[in-house]
Amino acid sequence: METDELYETAAPAEVGELENIPETAATGLAILAERLERLAALCERLQEDNRFLREQNQALQAEGSALREQNEQSRSRIEAMIVRLKGLEQTS
């Protein structure tokens, strides 16, 4: 049965009907509602944590790229110094 069909064929609950729910069922519904609220809160917290971790990951990747670039520049300068020193050594 399709979900739409289920909603179309289901009889709407009357307010008076909800008052006649046995206490155990009402307690069960209250427990279920509480669990659902906690689950929704957990989902929100996880979404915030996920967003924070993604931002942190992006920042760390940018920092890593900058450090690799700096390392490459340092390597080039050191290699140039070595070449100059070898050149000075040969002219001496």
Protein backbone atom coordinates (compact mmCIF):
# COMPACT_ATOMS: atom_id res chain seq x y z
CA MET A 1 0.00 0.00 0.00
CA GLU A 2 1.38 3.41 -0.93
CA THR A 3 2.03 5.92 1.83
CA ASP A 4 -0.40 8.40 0.28
CA GLU A 5 -3.12 5.76 0.18
CA LEU A 6 -2.48 4.95 3.82
CA TYR A 7 -3.02 8.54 4.86
CA GLU A 8 -6.08 8.92 2.63
CA THR A 9 -7.79 5.82 3.98
CA ALA A 10 -6.85 6.26 7.65
CA ALA A 11 -9.63 7.59 9.83
CA PRO A 12 -8.71 10.81 11.62
CA ALA A 13 -8.37 10.53 15.38
CA GLU A 14 -10.82 12.48 17.44
CA VAL A 15 -9.66 14.30 20.55
CA GLY A 16 -12.11 12.32 22.61
CA GLU A 17 -10.57 9.09 21.34
CA LEU A 18 -7.15 10.11 22.66
CA GLU A 19 -8.59 10.63 26.12
CA ASN A 20 -9.75 7.01 26.17
CA ILE A 21 -6.23 5.61 25.58
CA PRO A 22 -5.25 3.28 28.42
CA GLU A 23 -2.64 4.64 30.80
CA THR A 24 0.01 2.15 29.68
CA ALA A 25 -0.44 3.16 26.05
CA ALA A 26 -0.32 6.84 27.00
CA THR A 27 2.83 6.20 29.01
CA GLY A 28 4.29 4.33 26.05
CA LEU A 29 3.47 7.25 23.77
CA ALA A 30 5.05 9.68 26.23
CA ILE A 31 8.20 7.55 26.37
CA LEU A 32 8.27 7.33 22.59
CA ALA A 33 7.79 11.10 22.28
CA GLU A 34 10.65 11.70 24.73
CA ARG A 35 12.92 9.33 22.81
CA LEU A 36 11.99 11.06 19.57
CA GLU A 37 12.83 14.46 21.04
CA ARG A 38 16.19 13.17 22.29
CA LEU A 39 16.88 11.65 18.87
CA ALA A 40 16.05 14.93 17.15
CA ALA A 41 18.35 16.80 19.56
CA LEU A 42 21.10 14.27 18.93
CA CYS A 43 20.69 14.70 15.15
CA GLU A 44 20.98 18.48 15.49
CA ARG A 45 24.11 18.15 17.65
CA LEU A 46 25.67 15.70 15.20
CA GLN A 47 24.92 18.04 12.30
CA GLU A 48 26.62 20.90 14.16
CA ASP A 49 29.59 18.69 15.01
CA ASN A 50 29.81 17.55 11.40
CA ARG A 51 29.72 21.14 10.14
CA PHE A 52 32.46 22.12 12.64
CA LEU A 53 34.63 19.14 11.66
CA ARG A 54 34.23 19.90 7.95
CA GLU A 55 35.29 23.51 8.54
CA GLN A 56 38.22 22.37 10.67
CA ASN A 57 39.24 19.85 8.00
CA GLN A 58 39.10 22.52 5.31
CA ALA A 59 41.25 24.87 7.43
CA LEU A 60 43.79 22.12 8.12
CA GLN A 61 43.98 21.24 4.43
CA ALA A 62 44.62 24.89 3.59
CA GLU A 63 47.29 25.07 6.30
CA GLY A 64 48.89 21.88 4.96
CA SER A 65 48.97 23.30 1.45
CA ALA A 66 50.58 26.50 2.72
CA LEU A 67 53.20 24.52 4.65
CA ARG A 68 53.99 22.34 1.62
CA GLU A 69 54.43 25.48 -0.49
CA GLN A 70 56.68 27.03 2.17
CA ASN A 71 58.69 23.81 2.35
CA GLU A 72 59.14 23.80 -1.43
CA GLN A 73 60.32 27.41 -1.39
CA SER A 74 62.80 26.63 1.38
CA ARG A 75 64.05 23.61 -0.55
CA SER A 76 64.59 25.75 -3.65
CA ARG A 77 66.53 28.37 -1.65
CA ILE A 78 68.73 25.73 -0.03
CA GLU A 79 69.44 24.09 -3.39
CA ALA A 80 70.36 27.51 -4.81
CA MET A 81 72.72 28.12 -1.87
CA ILE A 82 74.36 24.74 -2.39
CA VAL A 83 74.90 25.53 -6.08
CA ARG A 84 76.43 28.93 -5.16
CA LEU A 85 78.68 27.35 -2.52
CA LYS A 86 79.87 24.71 -4.99
CA GLY A 87 80.53 27.51 -7.47
CA LEU A 88 82.56 29.45 -4.89
CA GLU A 89 84.45 26.29 -3.94
CA GLN A 90 85.45 25.64 -7.54
CA THR A 91 86.63 29.24 -8.10
CA SER A 92 88.79 29.20 -4.94
